[in-house]
Amino acid sequence: MQQDEQINLIRRALALIDTNDSERGEPAVSPVGRYLDPARYEREMTHIFRQHPLALCVSASLAQPGDSFAIDVAGLPLLLVRAEGGQVNGFVNACRH
C-alpha cells in the first residue's frame, strides 16, 4: 500500500472516531434459505472453491522437507508435501484403486 493511501485511510478512521460513526451502512437482512439451499451450496463449491486459488495452510505447517499436511477442500481430500527443493507439492489424497 502506498504511503498517501495509508495516510488517507488513517484520516478517514480518525474522522469516524471523532464523529462516533462507521462506514458499515445499514444492516441488511439475508434470508436463511440462502444458507440452507443445496443448489446454492453446489454453485459456490464449483465456482468459488474449485476455480480460484485458496490459502490452505500456513507455511510453518510445512517447514521442513518431508513435512506433510492433509486437508479436505470442498469435498476433495488433498495432501500437501514440502519437497527437498523447498517447493510444496499437492496431491489428491486417494488410493489409485
N, C-alpha and C. Protein backbone atom coordinates (compact mmCIF):
# COMPACT_ATOMS: atom_id res chain seq x y z
N MET A 1 0.85 -1.17 0.00
CA MET A 1 0.00 0.00 0.00
C MET A 1 0.90 1.24 0.00
N GLN A 2 0.54 2.21 -0.80
CA GLN A 2 1.30 3.45 -0.91
C GLN A 2 1.08 4.33 0.32
N GLN A 3 2.08 5.15 0.64
CA GLN A 3 2.01 5.99 1.84
C GLN A 3 0.83 6.95 1.80
N ASP A 4 0.57 7.57 0.64
CA ASP A 4 -0.55 8.51 0.57
C ASP A 4 -1.89 7.80 0.80
N GLU A 5 -2.01 6.57 0.34
CA GLU A 5 -3.23 5.80 0.57
C GLU A 5 -3.36 5.46 2.06
N GLN A 6 -2.25 5.11 2.71
CA GLN A 6 -2.27 4.83 4.14
C GLN A 6 -2.70 6.07 4.93
N ILE A 7 -2.15 7.22 4.56
CA ILE A 7 -2.49 8.47 5.25
C ILE A 7 -3.98 8.77 5.11
N ASN A 8 -4.52 8.59 3.90
CA ASN A 8 -5.95 8.82 3.68
C ASN A 8 -6.82 7.88 4.51
N LEU A 9 -6.41 6.61 4.61
CA LEU A 9 -7.17 5.65 5.42
C LEU A 9 -7.13 6.02 6.90
N ILE A 10 -5.97 6.46 7.37
CA ILE A 10 -5.85 6.88 8.78
C ILE A 10 -6.73 8.10 9.04
N ARG A 11 -6.72 9.05 8.12
CA ARG A 11 -7.56 10.25 8.28
C ARG A 11 -9.04 9.88 8.33
N ARG A 12 -9.46 8.96 7.44
CA ARG A 12 -10.85 8.52 7.43
C ARG A 12 -11.21 7.85 8.75
N ALA A 13 -10.31 7.01 9.25
CA ALA A 13 -10.57 6.31 10.51
C ALA A 13 -10.67 7.29 11.66
N LEU A 14 -9.77 8.26 11.71
CA LEU A 14 -9.81 9.25 12.79
C LEU A 14 -11.08 10.10 12.73
N ALA A 15 -11.51 10.45 11.51
CA ALA A 15 -12.75 11.21 11.37
C ALA A 15 -13.95 10.40 11.85
N LEU A 16 -13.96 9.10 11.57
CA LEU A 16 -15.05 8.24 12.04
C LEU A 16 -15.05 8.14 13.56
N ILE A 17 -13.85 8.07 14.15
CA ILE A 17 -13.75 8.02 15.61
C ILE A 17 -14.28 9.32 16.21
N ASP A 18 -13.90 10.46 15.62
CA ASP A 18 -14.34 11.76 16.12
C ASP A 18 -15.86 11.91 16.09
N THR A 19 -16.48 11.37 15.06
CA THR A 19 -17.94 11.52 14.91
C THR A 19 -18.71 10.32 15.46
N ASN A 20 -17.99 9.35 16.01
CA ASN A 20 -18.62 8.13 16.52
C ASN A 20 -19.49 7.48 15.45
N ASP A 21 -18.94 7.39 14.25
CA ASP A 21 -19.66 6.88 13.09
C ASP A 21 -18.96 5.64 12.55
N SER A 22 -19.51 5.08 11.50
CA SER A 22 -18.88 3.95 10.82
C SER A 22 -19.19 4.02 9.34
N GLU A 23 -18.54 3.18 8.57
CA GLU A 23 -18.80 3.09 7.13
C GLU A 23 -19.56 1.81 6.79
N ARG A 24 -20.14 1.19 7.78
CA ARG A 24 -20.83 -0.08 7.58
C ARG A 24 -22.15 0.07 6.86
N GLY A 25 -22.78 1.20 6.97
CA GLY A 25 -24.09 1.36 6.36
C GLY A 25 -25.16 0.70 7.20
N GLU A 26 -26.33 0.59 6.63
CA GLU A 26 -27.46 0.00 7.34
C GLU A 26 -27.36 -1.52 7.31
N PRO A 27 -27.78 -2.17 8.39
CA PRO A 27 -27.78 -3.64 8.39
C PRO A 27 -28.73 -4.18 7.34
N ALA A 28 -28.38 -5.29 6.77
CA ALA A 28 -29.22 -5.93 5.77
C ALA A 28 -29.70 -7.28 6.31
N VAL A 29 -30.83 -7.71 5.83
CA VAL A 29 -31.38 -9.00 6.21
C VAL A 29 -31.12 -9.97 5.07
N SER A 30 -30.58 -11.12 5.41
CA SER A 30 -30.32 -12.16 4.43
C SER A 30 -31.20 -13.36 4.76
N PRO A 31 -32.01 -13.80 3.81
CA PRO A 31 -32.90 -14.93 4.09
C PRO A 31 -32.11 -16.19 4.48
N VAL A 32 -32.59 -16.89 5.49
CA VAL A 32 -31.94 -18.10 5.98
C VAL A 32 -31.81 -19.13 4.86
N GLY A 33 -32.74 -19.14 3.94
CA GLY A 33 -32.71 -20.10 2.83
C GLY A 33 -31.43 -20.06 2.03
N ARG A 34 -30.78 -18.90 1.99
CA ARG A 34 -29.50 -18.79 1.27
C ARG A 34 -28.45 -19.72 1.85
N TYR A 35 -28.52 -19.95 3.14
CA TYR A 35 -27.51 -20.76 3.81
C TYR A 35 -27.87 -22.24 3.84
N LEU A 36 -29.09 -22.56 3.45
CA LEU A 36 -29.55 -23.94 3.50
C LEU A 36 -29.83 -24.54 2.13
N ASP A 37 -29.71 -23.75 1.08
CA ASP A 37 -30.06 -24.17 -0.27
C ASP A 37 -28.97 -25.06 -0.87
N PRO A 38 -29.25 -26.35 -1.12
CA PRO A 38 -28.24 -27.26 -1.66
C PRO A 38 -27.72 -26.82 -3.04
N ALA A 39 -28.59 -26.27 -3.88
CA ALA A 39 -28.15 -25.83 -5.22
C ALA A 39 -27.17 -24.67 -5.10
N ARG A 40 -27.46 -23.73 -4.20
CA ARG A 40 -26.54 -22.60 -3.98
C ARG A 40 -25.20 -23.10 -3.45
N TYR A 41 -25.24 -24.05 -2.54
CA TYR A 41 -24.01 -24.63 -1.98
C TYR A 41 -23.16 -25.23 -3.10
N GLU A 42 -23.77 -26.01 -3.97
CA GLU A 42 -23.02 -26.63 -5.08
C GLU A 42 -22.43 -25.57 -6.02
N ARG A 43 -23.19 -24.52 -6.30
CA ARG A 43 -22.67 -23.44 -7.15
C ARG A 43 -21.45 -22.78 -6.50
N GLU A 44 -21.54 -22.53 -5.21
CA GLU A 44 -20.41 -21.92 -4.51
C GLU A 44 -19.19 -22.83 -4.53
N MET A 45 -19.40 -24.12 -4.28
CA MET A 45 -18.28 -25.07 -4.32
C MET A 45 -17.63 -25.08 -5.70
N THR A 46 -18.45 -25.12 -6.73
CA THR A 46 -17.94 -25.20 -8.10
C THR A 46 -17.29 -23.90 -8.55
N HIS A 47 -17.95 -22.79 -8.32
CA HIS A 47 -17.49 -21.52 -8.89
C HIS A 47 -16.51 -20.74 -8.00
N ILE A 48 -16.47 -21.05 -6.73
CA ILE A 48 -15.55 -20.33 -5.84
C ILE A 48 -14.41 -21.23 -5.40
N PHE A 49 -14.73 -22.31 -4.70
CA PHE A 49 -13.71 -23.12 -4.05
C PHE A 49 -12.95 -24.05 -4.98
N ARG A 50 -13.47 -24.29 -6.16
CA ARG A 50 -12.77 -25.19 -7.08
C ARG A 50 -12.20 -24.46 -8.30
N GLN A 51 -12.41 -23.16 -8.42
CA GLN A 51 -11.90 -22.42 -9.58
C GLN A 51 -10.92 -21.31 -9.21
N HIS A 52 -10.70 -21.08 -7.94
CA HIS A 52 -9.83 -19.99 -7.52
C HIS A 52 -8.79 -20.51 -6.54
N PRO A 53 -7.62 -19.88 -6.52
CA PRO A 53 -6.59 -20.28 -5.54
C PRO A 53 -7.10 -20.08 -4.12
N LEU A 54 -6.70 -20.98 -3.24
CA LEU A 54 -7.11 -20.92 -1.85
C LEU A 54 -5.88 -21.03 -0.95
N ALA A 55 -5.86 -20.30 0.14
CA ALA A 55 -4.82 -20.47 1.15
C ALA A 55 -5.24 -21.67 2.00
N LEU A 56 -4.43 -22.72 1.99
CA LEU A 56 -4.83 -23.96 2.65
C LEU A 56 -4.16 -24.19 3.99
N CYS A 57 -2.97 -23.65 4.18
CA CYS A 57 -2.31 -23.78 5.47
C CYS A 57 -1.18 -22.76 5.54
N VAL A 58 -0.69 -22.49 6.74
CA VAL A 58 0.43 -21.58 6.89
C VAL A 58 1.71 -22.33 6.53
N SER A 59 2.70 -21.61 6.03
CA SER A 59 3.94 -22.25 5.58
C SER A 59 4.65 -22.98 6.72
N ALA A 60 4.46 -22.54 7.97
CA ALA A 60 5.10 -23.21 9.10
C ALA A 60 4.59 -24.65 9.27
N SER A 61 3.41 -24.96 8.73
CA SER A 61 2.90 -26.33 8.79
C SER A 61 3.68 -27.26 7.89
N LEU A 62 4.43 -26.68 6.95
CA LEU A 62 5.26 -27.46 6.02
C LEU A 62 6.68 -26.88 6.03
N ALA A 63 7.24 -26.73 7.21
CA ALA A 63 8.51 -26.02 7.36
C ALA A 63 9.70 -26.78 6.80
N GLN A 64 9.74 -28.08 6.95
CA GLN A 64 10.91 -28.87 6.57
C GLN A 64 10.58 -29.81 5.41
N PRO A 65 11.58 -30.14 4.58
CA PRO A 65 11.36 -31.14 3.53
C PRO A 65 10.81 -32.43 4.14
N GLY A 66 9.80 -32.98 3.52
CA GLY A 66 9.16 -34.19 4.01
C GLY A 66 7.94 -33.92 4.87
N ASP A 67 7.77 -32.69 5.35
CA ASP A 67 6.57 -32.37 6.12
C ASP A 67 5.34 -32.49 5.23
N SER A 68 4.25 -32.97 5.80
CA SER A 68 3.03 -33.13 5.01
C SER A 68 1.85 -32.57 5.79
N PHE A 69 0.79 -32.28 5.05
CA PHE A 69 -0.42 -31.69 5.63
C PHE A 69 -1.60 -32.21 4.84
N ALA A 70 -2.51 -32.91 5.49
CA ALA A 70 -3.71 -33.43 4.83
C ALA A 70 -4.89 -32.53 5.17
N ILE A 71 -5.70 -32.23 4.17
CA ILE A 71 -6.84 -31.34 4.36
C ILE A 71 -7.92 -31.69 3.34
N ASP A 72 -9.16 -31.49 3.73
CA ASP A 72 -10.29 -31.66 2.81
C ASP A 72 -10.71 -30.27 2.34
N VAL A 73 -10.72 -30.08 1.02
CA VAL A 73 -11.08 -28.79 0.45
C VAL A 73 -12.26 -28.99 -0.48
N ALA A 74 -13.40 -28.47 -0.08
CA ALA A 74 -14.62 -28.55 -0.89
C ALA A 74 -14.92 -29.99 -1.30
N GLY A 75 -14.74 -30.92 -0.34
CA GLY A 75 -15.04 -32.32 -0.62
C GLY A 75 -13.93 -33.07 -1.32
N LEU A 76 -12.79 -32.44 -1.55
CA LEU A 76 -11.67 -33.08 -2.22
C LEU A 76 -10.53 -33.26 -1.22
N PRO A 77 -10.18 -34.52 -0.89
CA PRO A 77 -9.10 -34.73 0.06
C PRO A 77 -7.74 -34.44 -0.60
N LEU A 78 -6.97 -33.57 0.02
CA LEU A 78 -5.67 -33.19 -0.55
C LEU A 78 -4.55 -33.52 0.44
N LEU A 79 -3.36 -33.77 -0.11
CA LEU A 79 -2.16 -33.96 0.67
C LEU A 79 -1.11 -33.00 0.13
N LEU A 80 -0.61 -32.13 0.99
CA LEU A 80 0.43 -31.18 0.62
C LEU A 80 1.74 -31.67 1.24
N VAL A 81 2.82 -31.63 0.46
CA VAL A 81 4.11 -32.14 0.93
C VAL A 81 5.21 -31.16 0.54
N ARG A 82 6.09 -30.83 1.52
CA ARG A 82 7.25 -29.97 1.24
C ARG A 82 8.34 -30.86 0.65
N ALA A 83 8.83 -30.50 -0.55
CA ALA A 83 9.85 -31.29 -1.24
C ALA A 83 11.26 -30.86 -0.80
N GLU A 84 12.25 -31.64 -1.17
CA GLU A 84 13.65 -31.35 -0.83
C GLU A 84 14.08 -29.98 -1.34
N GLY A 85 13.61 -29.57 -2.51
CA GLY A 85 13.99 -28.29 -3.08
C GLY A 85 13.26 -27.10 -2.48
N GLY A 86 12.33 -27.36 -1.56
CA GLY A 86 11.61 -26.28 -0.90
C GLY A 86 10.21 -26.04 -1.43
N GLN A 87 9.90 -26.50 -2.62
CA GLN A 87 8.56 -26.27 -3.17
C GLN A 87 7.54 -27.16 -2.47
N VAL A 88 6.29 -26.74 -2.54
CA VAL A 88 5.20 -27.52 -1.97
C VAL A 88 4.45 -28.18 -3.11
N ASN A 89 4.24 -29.47 -2.98
CA ASN A 89 3.51 -30.23 -3.99
C ASN A 89 2.17 -30.66 -3.40
N GLY A 90 1.14 -30.63 -4.22
CA GLY A 90 -0.19 -31.03 -3.78
C GLY A 90 -0.67 -32.25 -4.55
N PHE A 91 -1.31 -33.15 -3.86
CA PHE A 91 -1.81 -34.39 -4.45
C PHE A 91 -3.23 -34.64 -3.97
N VAL A 92 -4.02 -35.32 -4.80
CA VAL A 92 -5.31 -35.81 -4.34
C VAL A 92 -5.01 -36.98 -3.42
N ASN A 93 -5.52 -36.93 -2.21
CA ASN A 93 -5.21 -37.92 -1.18
C ASN A 93 -6.18 -39.10 -1.30
N ALA A 94 -5.90 -39.97 -2.28
CA ALA A 94 -6.76 -41.11 -2.53
C ALA A 94 -5.95 -42.27 -3.07
N CYS A 95 -6.42 -43.47 -2.82
CA CYS A 95 -5.77 -44.66 -3.37
C CYS A 95 -6.06 -44.74 -4.86
N ARG A 96 -5.12 -45.31 -5.61
CA ARG A 96 -5.32 -45.44 -7.06
C ARG A 96 -6.38 -46.47 -7.40
N HIS A 97 -6.67 -47.39 -6.51
CA HIS A 97 -7.68 -48.40 -6.80
C HIS A 97 -9.02 -47.92 -6.32
